[in-house]
Amino acid sequence: MKHLWQTHRWLVLAFLVAASLSMFFGIRAALFVPRWHLHLDYAAQPVQPWMTPKLIVKTYGVPPEVLEQVLGLPEKFHPRQTLAEIAADQGIDSAALAARVEAAVRAARGHLQQ
């Protein structure tokens, strides 16, 4: 070990730093594991203006036609547009649009469960 330190000091230091960082982030990840289950139920969260229509369809399990009808999307719209961007394009409040989408999602989910 003494020979390694004398001949490759920077390499040994780099290894120690890498090992320390690996241990730090490994322990940190292990401490966050018990909290992961708290964030898994996205469908229980209300619709937010930062969400995209695709995310809403996948998260809440509603047909895309429901959102197309509520949002009044044009034929060519960017699929990564958020509700806030869609609301800005339409000249309406993003919170109001999110509330309309939330009501439509609840109605569609209620209809799908019956």
PDB file of N, CA and C in Angstrom:
ATOM      1  N   MET A   1       0.822  -1.186   0.000  1.00  0.00           N
ATOM      2  CA  MET A   1       0.000   0.000   0.000  1.00  0.00           C
ATOM      3  C   MET A   1       0.872   1.258   0.000  1.00  0.00           C
ATOM      4  N   LYS A   2       1.967   1.187   0.728  1.00  0.00           N
ATOM      5  CA  LYS A   2       2.875   2.325   0.790  1.00  0.00           C
ATOM      6  C   LYS A   2       3.461   2.624  -0.598  1.00  0.00           C
ATOM      7  N   HIS A   3       3.780   1.561  -1.325  1.00  0.00           N
ATOM      8  CA  HIS A   3       4.337   1.725  -2.666  1.00  0.00           C
ATOM      9  C   HIS A   3       3.298   2.370  -3.592  1.00  0.00           C
ATOM     10  N   LEU A   4       2.041   1.934  -3.484  1.00  0.00           N
ATOM     11  CA  LEU A   4       0.973   2.496  -4.303  1.00  0.00           C
ATOM     12  C   LEU A   4       0.779   3.985  -4.005  1.00  0.00           C
ATOM     13  N   TRP A   5       0.827   4.368  -2.749  1.00  0.00           N
ATOM     14  CA  TRP A   5       0.687   5.771  -2.358  1.00  0.00           C
ATOM     15  C   TRP A   5       1.847   6.615  -2.885  1.00  0.00           C
ATOM     16  N   GLN A   6       3.038   6.073  -2.845  1.00  0.00           N
ATOM     17  CA  GLN A   6       4.203   6.828  -3.293  1.00  0.00           C
ATOM     18  C   GLN A   6       4.250   6.983  -4.808  1.00  0.00           C
ATOM     19  N   THR A   7       3.787   5.986  -5.523  1.00  0.00           N
ATOM     20  CA  THR A   7       3.907   6.042  -6.983  1.00  0.00           C
ATOM     21  C   THR A   7       2.664   6.610  -7.674  1.00  0.00           C
ATOM     22  N   HIS A   8       1.487   6.411  -7.101  1.00  0.00           N
ATOM     23  CA  HIS A   8       0.240   6.825  -7.762  1.00  0.00           C
ATOM     24  C   HIS A   8      -0.661   7.599  -6.787  1.00  0.00           C
ATOM     25  N   ARG A   9      -0.121   8.637  -6.218  1.00  0.00           N
ATOM     26  CA  ARG A   9      -0.847   9.390  -5.193  1.00  0.00           C
ATOM     27  C   ARG A   9      -2.184   9.931  -5.714  1.00  0.00           C
ATOM     28  N   TRP A  10      -2.191  10.530  -6.906  1.00  0.00           N
ATOM     29  CA  TRP A  10      -3.424  11.102  -7.450  1.00  0.00           C
ATOM     30  C   TRP A  10      -4.462  10.025  -7.750  1.00  0.00           C
ATOM     31  N   LEU A  11      -4.023   8.896  -8.205  1.00  0.00           N
ATOM     32  CA  LEU A  11      -4.948   7.806  -8.494  1.00  0.00           C
ATOM     33  C   LEU A  11      -5.591   7.288  -7.211  1.00  0.00           C
ATOM     34  N   VAL A  12      -4.811   7.159  -6.150  1.00  0.00           N
ATOM     35  CA  VAL A  12      -5.343   6.706  -4.862  1.00  0.00           C
ATOM     36  C   VAL A  12      -6.331   7.734  -4.316  1.00  0.00           C
ATOM     37  N   LEU A  13      -5.995   9.017  -4.417  1.00  0.00           N
ATOM     38  CA  LEU A  13      -6.904  10.071  -3.953  1.00  0.00           C
ATOM     39  C   LEU A  13      -8.209  10.082  -4.756  1.00  0.00           C
ATOM     40  N   ALA A  14      -8.098   9.912  -6.058  1.00  0.00           N
ATOM     41  CA  ALA A  14      -9.292   9.879  -6.903  1.00  0.00           C
ATOM     42  C   ALA A  14     -10.170   8.687  -6.538  1.00  0.00           C
ATOM     43  N   PHE A  15      -9.555   7.545  -6.273  1.00  0.00           N
ATOM     44  CA  PHE A  15     -10.306   6.360  -5.864  1.00  0.00           C
ATOM     45  C   PHE A  15     -11.015   6.599  -4.532  1.00  0.00           C
ATOM     46  N   LEU A  16     -10.336   7.203  -3.575  1.00  0.00           N
ATOM     47  CA  LEU A  16     -10.944   7.473  -2.274  1.00  0.00           C
ATOM     48  C   LEU A  16     -12.115   8.452  -2.385  1.00  0.00           C
ATOM     49  N   VAL A  17     -11.954   9.460  -3.215  1.00  0.00           N
ATOM     50  CA  VAL A  17     -13.047  10.407  -3.427  1.00  0.00           C
ATOM     51  C   VAL A  17     -14.234   9.709  -4.080  1.00  0.00           C
ATOM     52  N   ALA A  18     -13.976   8.896  -5.097  1.00  0.00           N
ATOM     53  CA  ALA A  18     -15.052   8.176  -5.776  1.00  0.00           C
ATOM     54  C   ALA A  18     -15.750   7.201  -4.825  1.00  0.00           C
ATOM     55  N   ALA A  19     -14.983   6.501  -4.012  1.00  0.00           N
ATOM     56  CA  ALA A  19     -15.575   5.563  -3.054  1.00  0.00           C
ATOM     57  C   ALA A  19     -16.405   6.300  -2.006  1.00  0.00           C
ATOM     58  N   SER A  20     -15.918   7.443  -1.548  1.00  0.00           N
ATOM     59  CA  SER A  20     -16.654   8.234  -0.561  1.00  0.00           C
ATOM     60  C   SER A  20     -17.966   8.757  -1.137  1.00  0.00           C
ATOM     61  N   LEU A  21     -17.901   9.262  -2.360  1.00  0.00           N
ATOM     62  CA  LEU A  21     -19.128   9.754  -2.994  1.00  0.00           C
ATOM     63  C   LEU A  21     -20.128   8.629  -3.236  1.00  0.00           C
ATOM     64  N   SER A  22     -19.629   7.471  -3.631  1.00  0.00           N
ATOM     65  CA  SER A  22     -20.520   6.323  -3.834  1.00  0.00           C
ATOM     66  C   SER A  22     -21.198   5.921  -2.537  1.00  0.00           C
ATOM     67  N   MET A  23     -20.452   5.904  -1.464  1.00  0.00           N
ATOM     68  CA  MET A  23     -21.035   5.565  -0.168  1.00  0.00           C
ATOM     69  C   MET A  23     -22.056   6.616   0.257  1.00  0.00           C
ATOM     70  N   PHE A  24     -21.725   7.896   0.077  1.00  0.00           N
ATOM     71  CA  PHE A  24     -22.637   8.970   0.461  1.00  0.00           C
ATOM     72  C   PHE A  24     -23.968   8.854  -0.278  1.00  0.00           C
ATOM     73  N   PHE A  25     -23.919   8.728  -1.615  1.00  0.00           N
ATOM     74  CA  PHE A  25     -25.149   8.668  -2.390  1.00  0.00           C
ATOM     75  C   PHE A  25     -25.877   7.343  -2.186  1.00  0.00           C
ATOM     76  N   GLY A  26     -25.154   6.266  -1.932  1.00  0.00           N
ATOM     77  CA  GLY A  26     -25.795   4.990  -1.635  1.00  0.00           C
ATOM     78  C   GLY A  26     -26.573   5.037  -0.326  1.00  0.00           C
ATOM     79  N   ILE A  27     -25.972   5.608   0.691  1.00  0.00           N
ATOM     80  CA  ILE A  27     -26.650   5.737   1.984  1.00  0.00           C
ATOM     81  C   ILE A  27     -27.837   6.686   1.852  1.00  0.00           C
ATOM     82  N   ARG A  28     -27.651   7.761   1.123  1.00  0.00           N
ATOM     83  CA  ARG A  28     -28.735   8.733   0.924  1.00  0.00           C
ATOM     84  C   ARG A  28     -29.917   8.085   0.207  1.00  0.00           C
ATOM     85  N   ALA A  29     -29.647   7.298  -0.818  1.00  0.00           N
ATOM     86  CA  ALA A  29     -30.718   6.607  -1.535  1.00  0.00           C
ATOM     87  C   ALA A  29     -31.425   5.609  -0.627  1.00  0.00           C
ATOM     88  N   ALA A  30     -30.650   4.889   0.186  1.00  0.00           N
ATOM     89  CA  ALA A  30     -31.249   3.915   1.096  1.00  0.00           C
ATOM     90  C   ALA A  30     -32.145   4.589   2.126  1.00  0.00           C
ATOM     91  N   LEU A  31     -31.816   5.807   2.522  1.00  0.00           N
ATOM     92  CA  LEU A  31     -32.647   6.521   3.486  1.00  0.00           C
ATOM     93  C   LEU A  31     -33.937   7.048   2.862  1.00  0.00           C
ATOM     94  N   PHE A  32     -33.948   7.276   1.549  1.00  0.00           N
ATOM     95  CA  PHE A  32     -35.147   7.771   0.887  1.00  0.00           C
ATOM     96  C   PHE A  32     -36.094   6.657   0.440  1.00  0.00           C
ATOM     97  N   VAL A  33     -35.670   5.422   0.432  1.00  0.00           N
ATOM     98  CA  VAL A  33     -36.504   4.312  -0.023  1.00  0.00           C
ATOM     99  C   VAL A  33     -37.826   4.236   0.748  1.00  0.00           C
ATOM    100  N   PRO A  34     -37.839   4.375   2.067  1.00  0.00           N
ATOM    101  CA  PRO A  34     -39.125   4.293   2.767  1.00  0.00           C
ATOM    102  C   PRO A  34     -40.122   5.369   2.363  1.00  0.00           C
ATOM    103  N   ARG A  35     -39.662   6.474   1.810  1.00  0.00           N
ATOM    104  CA  ARG A  35     -40.565   7.554   1.414  1.00  0.00           C
ATOM    105  C   ARG A  35     -41.085   7.416  -0.007  1.00  0.00           C
ATOM    106  N   TRP A  36     -40.515   6.537  -0.801  1.00  0.00           N
ATOM    107  CA  TRP A  36     -40.915   6.429  -2.196  1.00  0.00           C
ATOM    108  C   TRP A  36     -42.372   6.055  -2.348  1.00  0.00           C
ATOM    109  N   HIS A  37     -42.866   5.185  -1.487  1.00  0.00           N
ATOM    110  CA  HIS A  37     -44.252   4.740  -1.623  1.00  0.00           C
ATOM    111  C   HIS A  37     -45.241   5.881  -1.401  1.00  0.00           C
ATOM    112  N   LEU A  38     -44.829   6.957  -0.772  1.00  0.00           N
ATOM    113  CA  LEU A  38     -45.724   8.078  -0.535  1.00  0.00           C
ATOM    114  C   LEU A  38     -46.018   8.861  -1.801  1.00  0.00           C
ATOM    115  N   HIS A  39     -45.169   8.745  -2.807  1.00  0.00           N
ATOM    116  CA  HIS A  39     -45.306   9.545  -4.018  1.00  0.00           C
ATOM    117  C   HIS A  39     -45.785   8.734  -5.220  1.00  0.00           C
ATOM    118  N   LEU A  40     -46.273   7.539  -5.010  1.00  0.00           N
ATOM    119  CA  LEU A  40     -46.625   6.686  -6.137  1.00  0.00           C
ATOM    120  C   LEU A  40     -48.047   6.881  -6.643  1.00  0.00           C
ATOM    121  N   ASP A  41     -48.942   7.401  -5.837  1.00  0.00           N
ATOM    122  CA  ASP A  41     -50.337   7.528  -6.248  1.00  0.00           C
ATOM    123  C   ASP A  41     -50.579   8.883  -6.909  1.00  0.00           C
ATOM    124  N   TYR A  42     -50.130   8.996  -8.153  1.00  0.00           N
ATOM    125  CA  TYR A  42     -50.279  10.257  -8.862  1.00  0.00           C
ATOM    126  C   TYR A  42     -51.738  10.531  -9.212  1.00  0.00           C
ATOM    127  N   ALA A  43     -52.523   9.496  -9.384  1.00  0.00           N
ATOM    128  CA  ALA A  43     -53.917   9.678  -9.767  1.00  0.00           C
ATOM    129  C   ALA A  43     -54.728  10.331  -8.652  1.00  0.00           C
ATOM    130  N   ALA A  44     -54.227  10.313  -7.421  1.00  0.00           N
ATOM    131  CA  ALA A  44     -54.924  10.962  -6.321  1.00  0.00           C
ATOM    132  C   ALA A  44     -54.638  12.465  -6.297  1.00  0.00           C
ATOM    133  N   GLN A  45     -53.644  12.909  -7.052  1.00  0.00           N
ATOM    134  CA  GLN A  45     -53.290  14.325  -7.102  1.00  0.00           C
ATOM    135  C   GLN A  45     -54.227  15.053  -8.066  1.00  0.00           C
ATOM    136  N   PRO A  46     -54.532  16.319  -7.794  1.00  0.00           N
ATOM    137  CA  PRO A  46     -55.363  17.070  -8.740  1.00  0.00           C
ATOM    138  C   PRO A  46     -54.579  17.407 -10.009  1.00  0.00           C
ATOM    139  N   VAL A  47     -55.302  17.694 -11.062  1.00  0.00           N
ATOM    140  CA  VAL A  47     -54.681  18.100 -12.321  1.00  0.00           C
ATOM    141  C   VAL A  47     -54.016  19.462 -12.113  1.00  0.00           C
ATOM    142  N   GLN A  48     -52.785  19.574 -12.574  1.00  0.00           N
ATOM    143  CA  GLN A  48     -52.006  20.810 -12.404  1.00  0.00           C
ATOM    144  C   GLN A  48     -51.695  21.421 -13.771  1.00  0.00           C
ATOM    145  N   PRO A  49     -51.498  22.744 -13.827  1.00  0.00           N
ATOM    146  CA  PRO A  49     -51.190  23.392 -15.112  1.00  0.00           C
ATOM    147  C   PRO A  49     -49.886  22.937 -15.763  1.00  0.00           C
ATOM    148  N   TRP A  50     -48.949  22.366 -15.021  1.00  0.00           N
ATOM    149  CA  TRP A  50     -47.685  21.922 -15.621  1.00  0.00           C
ATOM    150  C   TRP A  50     -47.817  20.578 -16.333  1.00  0.00           C
ATOM    151  N   MET A  51     -48.943  19.909 -16.184  1.00  0.00           N
ATOM    152  CA  MET A  51     -49.126  18.581 -16.785  1.00  0.00           C
ATOM    153  C   MET A  51     -49.423  18.699 -18.274  1.00  0.00           C
ATOM    154  N   THR A  52     -48.977  17.690 -19.005  1.00  0.00           N
ATOM    155  CA  THR A  52     -49.284  17.616 -20.432  1.00  0.00           C
ATOM    156  C   THR A  52     -50.514  16.725 -20.623  1.00  0.00           C
ATOM    157  N   PRO A  53     -51.217  16.880 -21.739  1.00  0.00           N
ATOM    158  CA  PRO A  53     -52.365  15.994 -21.982  1.00  0.00           C
ATOM    159  C   PRO A  53     -51.984  14.512 -21.977  1.00  0.00           C
ATOM    160  N   LYS A  54     -50.818  14.179 -22.522  1.00  0.00           N
ATOM    161  CA  LYS A  54     -50.379  12.786 -22.545  1.00  0.00           C
ATOM    162  C   LYS A  54     -50.189  12.247 -21.129  1.00  0.00           C
ATOM    163  N   LEU A  55     -49.605  13.052 -20.248  1.00  0.00           N
ATOM    164  CA  LEU A  55     -49.422  12.637 -18.862  1.00  0.00           C
ATOM    165  C   LEU A  55     -50.762  12.433 -18.178  1.00  0.00           C
ATOM    166  N   ILE A  56     -51.707  13.309 -18.440  1.00  0.00           N
ATOM    167  CA  ILE A  56     -53.029  13.188 -17.826  1.00  0.00           C
ATOM    168  C   ILE A  56     -53.724  11.913 -18.293  1.00  0.00           C
ATOM    169  N   VAL A  57     -53.637  11.622 -19.592  1.00  0.00           N
ATOM    170  CA  VAL A  57     -54.251  10.410 -20.128  1.00  0.00           C
ATOM    171  C   VAL A  57     -53.645   9.165 -19.484  1.00  0.00           C
ATOM    172  N   LYS A  58     -52.324   9.121 -19.376  1.00  0.00           N
ATOM    173  CA  LYS A  58     -51.662   7.947 -18.809  1.00  0.00           C
ATOM    174  C   LYS A  58     -51.868   7.838 -17.300  1.00  0.00           C
ATOM    175  N   THR A  59     -51.830   8.957 -16.595  1.00  0.00           N
ATOM    176  CA  THR A  59     -51.931   8.932 -15.139  1.00  0.00           C
ATOM    177  C   THR A  59     -53.338   8.618 -14.667  1.00  0.00           C
ATOM    178  N   TYR A  60     -54.310   9.247 -15.262  1.00  0.00           N
ATOM    179  CA  TYR A  60     -55.683   9.114 -14.783  1.00  0.00           C
ATOM    180  C   TYR A  60     -56.476   8.053 -15.528  1.00  0.00           C
ATOM    181  N   GLY A  61     -55.905   7.497 -16.594  1.00  0.00           N
ATOM    182  CA  GLY A  61     -56.560   6.405 -17.313  1.00  0.00           C
ATOM    183  C   GLY A  61     -57.836   6.807 -18.025  1.00  0.00           C
ATOM    184  N   VAL A  62     -57.842   7.991 -18.605  1.00  0.00           N
ATOM    185  CA  VAL A  62     -59.007   8.441 -19.361  1.00  0.00           C
ATOM    186  C   VAL A  62     -58.690   8.382 -20.848  1.00  0.00           C
ATOM    187  N   PRO A  63     -59.704   8.207 -21.678  1.00  0.00           N
ATOM    188  CA  PRO A  63     -59.459   8.193 -23.120  1.00  0.00           C
ATOM    189  C   PRO A  63     -58.984   9.560 -23.618  1.00  0.00           C
ATOM    190  N   PRO A  64     -58.105   9.588 -24.611  1.00  0.00           N
ATOM    191  CA  PRO A  64     -57.606  10.862 -25.142  1.00  0.00           C
ATOM    192  C   PRO A  64     -58.717  11.751 -25.698  1.00  0.00           C
ATOM    193  N   GLU A  65     -59.789  11.136 -26.170  1.00  0.00           N
ATOM    194  CA  GLU A  65     -60.890  11.905 -26.743  1.00  0.00           C
ATOM    195  C   GLU A  65     -61.517  12.838 -25.706  1.00  0.00           C
ATOM    196  N   VAL A  66     -61.517  12.413 -24.444  1.00  0.00           N
ATOM    197  CA  VAL A  66     -62.074  13.248 -23.377  1.00  0.00           C
ATOM    198  C   VAL A  66     -61.303  14.559 -23.281  1.00  0.00           C
ATOM    199  N   LEU A  67     -59.981  14.461 -23.281  1.00  0.00           N
ATOM    200  CA  LEU A  67     -59.170  15.678 -23.194  1.00  0.00           C
ATOM    201  C   LEU A  67     -59.249  16.512 -24.464  1.00  0.00           C
ATOM    202  N   GLU A  68     -59.277  15.863 -25.609  1.00  0.00           N
ATOM    203  CA  GLU A  68     -59.366  16.610 -26.861  1.00  0.00           C
ATOM    204  C   GLU A  68     -60.631  17.449 -26.888  1.00  0.00           C
ATOM    205  N   GLN A  69     -61.728  16.882 -26.366  1.00  0.00           N
ATOM    206  CA  GLN A  69     -62.993  17.601 -26.352  1.00  0.00           C
ATOM    207  C   GLN A  69     -62.945  18.778 -25.374  1.00  0.00           C
ATOM    208  N   VAL A  70     -62.388  18.571 -24.188  1.00  0.00           N
ATOM    209  CA  VAL A  70     -62.339  19.622 -23.173  1.00  0.00           C
ATOM    210  C   VAL A  70     -61.358  20.724 -23.566  1.00  0.00           C
ATOM    211  N   LEU A  71     -60.209  20.331 -24.084  1.00  0.00           N
ATOM    212  CA  LEU A  71     -59.164  21.301 -24.394  1.00  0.00           C
ATOM    213  C   LEU A  71     -59.397  22.032 -25.713  1.00  0.00           C
ATOM    214  N   GLY A  72     -60.175  21.429 -26.602  1.00  0.00           N
ATOM    215  CA  GLY A  72     -60.375  22.038 -27.909  1.00  0.00           C
ATOM    216  C   GLY A  72     -59.065  22.169 -28.657  1.00  0.00           C
ATOM    217  N   LEU A  73     -58.296  21.093 -28.679  1.00  0.00           N
ATOM    218  CA  LEU A  73     -56.972  21.127 -29.295  1.00  0.00           C
ATOM    219  C   LEU A  73     -57.064  21.227 -30.813  1.00  0.00           C
ATOM    220  N   PRO A  74     -56.182  22.021 -31.406  1.00  0.00           N
ATOM    221  CA  PRO A  74     -56.139  22.071 -32.870  1.00  0.00           C
ATOM    222  C   PRO A  74     -55.550  20.775 -33.423  1.00  0.00           C
ATOM    223  N   GLU A  75     -55.708  20.605 -34.726  1.00  0.00           N
ATOM    224  CA  GLU A  75     -55.188  19.390 -35.363  1.00  0.00           C
ATOM    225  C   GLU A  75     -53.694  19.229 -35.124  1.00  0.00           C
ATOM    226  N   LYS A  76     -52.952  20.319 -35.255  1.00  0.00           N
ATOM    227  CA  LYS A  76     -51.505  20.267 -35.073  1.00  0.00           C
ATOM    228  C   LYS A  76     -51.133  21.037 -33.811  1.00  0.00           C
ATOM    229  N   PHE A  77     -50.896  20.313 -32.761  1.00  0.00           N
ATOM    230  CA  PHE A  77     -50.405  20.946 -31.543  1.00  0.00           C
ATOM    231  C   PHE A  77     -49.216  20.133 -31.069  1.00  0.00           C
ATOM    232  N   HIS A  78     -48.338  20.779 -30.334  1.00  0.00           N
ATOM    233  CA  HIS A  78     -47.134  20.109 -29.852  1.00  0.00           C
ATOM    234  C   HIS A  78     -47.525  19.171 -28.712  1.00  0.00           C
ATOM    235  N   PRO A  79     -47.189  17.879 -28.802  1.00  0.00           N
ATOM    236  CA  PRO A  79     -47.630  16.928 -27.785  1.00  0.00           C
ATOM    237  C   PRO A  79     -47.039  17.175 -26.398  1.00  0.00           C
ATOM    238  N   ARG A  80     -45.997  17.969 -26.314  1.00  0.00           N
ATOM    239  CA  ARG A  80     -45.400  18.238 -25.006  1.00  0.00           C
ATOM    240  C   ARG A  80     -45.862  19.576 -24.419  1.00  0.00           C
ATOM    241  N   GLN A  81     -46.879  20.150 -25.001  1.00  0.00           N
ATOM    242  CA  GLN A  81     -47.419  21.392 -24.460  1.00  0.00           C
ATOM    243  C   GLN A  81     -48.095  21.116 -23.124  1.00  0.00           C
ATOM    244  N   THR A  82     -47.832  21.973 -22.165  1.00  0.00           N
ATOM    245  CA  THR A  82     -48.489  21.840 -20.869  1.00  0.00           C
ATOM    246  C   THR A  82     -49.863  22.498 -20.928  1.00  0.00           C
ATOM    247  N   LEU A  83     -50.667  22.233 -19.914  1.00  0.00           N
ATOM    248  CA  LEU A  83     -51.970  22.887 -19.851  1.00  0.00           C
ATOM    249  C   LEU A  83     -51.821  24.402 -19.780  1.00  0.00           C
ATOM    250  N   ALA A  84     -50.784  24.868 -19.081  1.00  0.00           N
ATOM    251  CA  ALA A  84     -50.547  26.310 -18.987  1.00  0.00           C
ATOM    252  C   ALA A  84     -50.255  26.907 -20.363  1.00  0.00           C
ATOM    253  N   GLU A  85     -49.477  26.216 -21.179  1.00  0.00           N
ATOM    254  CA  GLU A  85     -49.173  26.709 -22.523  1.00  0.00           C
ATOM    255  C   GLU A  85     -50.414  26.674 -23.421  1.00  0.00           C
ATOM    256  N   ILE A  86     -51.204  25.620 -23.286  1.00  0.00           N
ATOM    257  CA  ILE A  86     -52.444  25.525 -24.062  1.00  0.00           C
ATOM    258  C   ILE A  86     -53.396  26.644 -23.656  1.00  0.00           C
ATOM    259  N   ALA A  87     -53.494  26.899 -22.349  1.00  0.00           N
ATOM    260  CA  ALA A  87     -54.361  27.980 -21.861  1.00  0.00           C
ATOM    261  C   ALA A  87     -53.880  29.334 -22.377  1.00  0.00           C
ATOM    262  N   ALA A  88     -52.571  29.548 -22.390  1.00  0.00           N
ATOM    263  CA  ALA A  88     -52.029  30.813 -22.901  1.00  0.00           C
ATOM    264  C   ALA A  88     -52.341  30.974 -24.381  1.00  0.00           C
ATOM    265  N   ASP A  89     -52.242  29.879 -25.142  1.00  0.00           N
ATOM    266  CA  ASP A  89     -52.568  29.933 -26.571  1.00  0.00           C
ATOM    267  C   ASP A  89     -54.035  30.278 -26.797  1.00  0.00           C
ATOM    268  N   GLN A  90     -54.898  29.792 -25.897  1.00  0.00           N
ATOM    269  CA  GLN A  90     -56.331  30.029 -26.032  1.00  0.00           C
ATOM    270  C   GLN A  90     -56.770  31.320 -25.343  1.00  0.00           C
ATOM    271  N   GLY A  91     -55.858  31.954 -24.604  1.00  0.00           N
ATOM    272  CA  GLY A  91     -56.173  33.211 -23.939  1.00  0.00           C
ATOM    273  C   GLY A  91     -57.049  33.059 -22.704  1.00  0.00           C
ATOM    274  N   ILE A  92     -56.928  31.928 -22.009  1.00  0.00           N
ATOM    275  CA  ILE A  92     -57.711  31.716 -20.791  1.00  0.00           C
ATOM    276  C   ILE A  92     -56.762  31.436 -19.628  1.00  0.00           C
ATOM    277  N   ASP A  93     -57.306  31.441 -18.431  1.00  0.00           N
ATOM    278  CA  ASP A  93     -56.515  31.211 -17.224  1.00  0.00           C
ATOM    279  C   ASP A  93     -56.147  29.731 -17.117  1.00  0.00           C
ATOM    280  N   SER A  94     -54.887  29.449 -16.788  1.00  0.00           N
ATOM    281  CA  SER A  94     -54.430  28.054 -16.708  1.00  0.00           C
ATOM    282  C   SER A  94     -55.104  27.308 -15.563  1.00  0.00           C
ATOM    283  N   ALA A  95     -55.376  27.988 -14.453  1.00  0.00           N
ATOM    284  CA  ALA A  95     -56.050  27.328 -13.331  1.00  0.00           C
ATOM    285  C   ALA A  95     -57.477  26.948 -13.708  1.00  0.00           C
ATOM    286  N   ALA A  96     -58.137  27.812 -14.477  1.00  0.00           N
ATOM    287  CA  ALA A  96     -59.501  27.508 -14.919  1.00  0.00           C
ATOM    288  C   ALA A  96     -59.500  26.321 -15.876  1.00  0.00           C
ATOM    289  N   LEU A  97     -58.525  26.277 -16.768  1.00  0.00           N
ATOM    290  CA  LEU A  97     -58.427  25.154 -17.693  1.00  0.00           C
ATOM    291  C   LEU A  97     -58.129  23.861 -16.933  1.00  0.00           C
ATOM    292  N   ALA A  98     -57.243  23.928 -15.955  1.00  0.00           N
ATOM    293  CA  ALA A  98     -56.930  22.747 -15.148  1.00  0.00           C
ATOM    294  C   ALA A  98     -58.164  22.275 -14.391  1.00  0.00           C
ATOM    295  N   ALA A  99     -58.972  23.191 -13.902  1.00  0.00           N
ATOM    296  CA  ALA A  99     -60.203  22.814 -13.195  1.00  0.00           C
ATOM    297  C   ALA A  99     -61.193  22.150 -14.151  1.00  0.00           C
ATOM    298  N   ARG A 100     -61.297  22.670 -15.386  1.00  0.00           N
ATOM    299  CA  ARG A 100     -62.179  22.039 -16.378  1.00  0.00           C
ATOM    300  C   ARG A 100     -61.710  20.631 -16.709  1.00  0.00           C
ATOM    301  N   VAL A 101     -60.410  20.473 -16.866  1.00  0.00           N
ATOM    302  CA  VAL A 101     -59.853  19.149 -17.170  1.00  0.00           C
ATOM    303  C   VAL A 101     -60.080  18.206 -15.989  1.00  0.00           C
ATOM    304  N   GLU A 102     -59.881  18.703 -14.777  1.00  0.00           N
ATOM    305  CA  GLU A 102     -60.110  17.889 -13.573  1.00  0.00           C
ATOM    306  C   GLU A 102     -61.552  17.392 -13.513  1.00  0.00           C
ATOM    307  N   ALA A 103     -62.508  18.274 -13.805  1.00  0.00           N
ATOM    308  CA  ALA A 103     -63.918  17.880 -13.798  1.00  0.00           C
ATOM    309  C   ALA A 103     -64.194  16.838 -14.871  1.00  0.00           C
ATOM    310  N   ALA A 104     -63.614  17.014 -16.043  1.00  0.00           N
ATOM    311  CA  ALA A 104     -63.813  16.051 -17.126  1.00  0.00           C
ATOM    312  C   ALA A 104     -63.185  14.701 -16.788  1.00  0.00           C
ATOM    313  N   VAL A 105     -62.009  14.723 -16.144  1.00  0.00           N
ATOM    314  CA  VAL A 105     -61.343  13.481 -15.756  1.00  0.00           C
ATOM    315  C   VAL A 105     -62.186  12.738 -14.723  1.00  0.00           C
ATOM    316  N   ARG A 106     -62.699  13.461 -13.737  1.00  0.00           N
ATOM    317  CA  ARG A 106     -63.543  12.816 -12.716  1.00  0.00           C
ATOM    318  C   ARG A 106     -64.799  12.223 -13.339  1.00  0.00           C
ATOM    319  N   ALA A 107     -65.425  12.974 -14.242  1.00  0.00           N
ATOM    320  CA  ALA A 107     -66.628  12.476 -14.901  1.00  0.00           C
ATOM    321  C   ALA A 107     -66.316  11.241 -15.741  1.00  0.00           C
ATOM    322  N   ALA A 108     -65.217  11.279 -16.475  1.00  0.00           N
ATOM    323  CA  ALA A 108     -64.844  10.138 -17.319  1.00  0.00           C
ATOM    324  C   ALA A 108     -64.486   8.923 -16.475  1.00  0.00           C
ATOM    325  N   ARG A 109     -63.763   9.132 -15.385  1.00  0.00           N
ATOM    326  CA  ARG A 109     -63.401   8.008 -14.527  1.00  0.00           C
ATOM    327  C   ARG A 109     -64.632   7.421 -13.853  1.00  0.00           C
ATOM    328  N   GLY A 110     -65.555   8.270 -13.451  1.00  0.00           N
ATOM    329  CA  GLY A 110     -66.799   7.781 -12.859  1.00  0.00           C
ATOM    330  C   GLY A 110     -67.604   6.987 -13.862  1.00  0.00           C
ATOM    331  N   HIS A 111     -67.618   7.486 -15.111  1.00  0.00           N
ATOM    332  CA  HIS A 111     -68.345   6.786 -16.175  1.00  0.00           C
ATOM    333  C   HIS A 111     -67.683   5.468 -16.520  1.00  0.00           C
ATOM    334  N   LEU A 112     -66.342   5.434 -16.508  1.00  0.00           N
ATOM    335  CA  LEU A 112     -65.614   4.209 -16.841  1.00  0.00           C
ATOM    336  C   LEU A 112     -65.747   3.152 -15.748  1.00  0.00           C
ATOM    337  N   GLN A 113     -65.915   3.571 -14.487  1.00  0.00           N
ATOM    338  CA  GLN A 113     -66.003   2.605 -13.392  1.00  0.00           C
ATOM    339  C   GLN A 113     -67.374   1.982 -13.273  1.00  0.00           C
ATOM    340  N   GLN A 114     -68.396   2.600 -13.893  1.00  0.00           N
ATOM    341  CA  GLN A 114     -69.747   2.049 -13.796  1.00  0.00           C
ATOM    342  C   GLN A 114     -69.971   0.930 -14.751  1.00  0.00           C
TER     343      GLN A 114
END
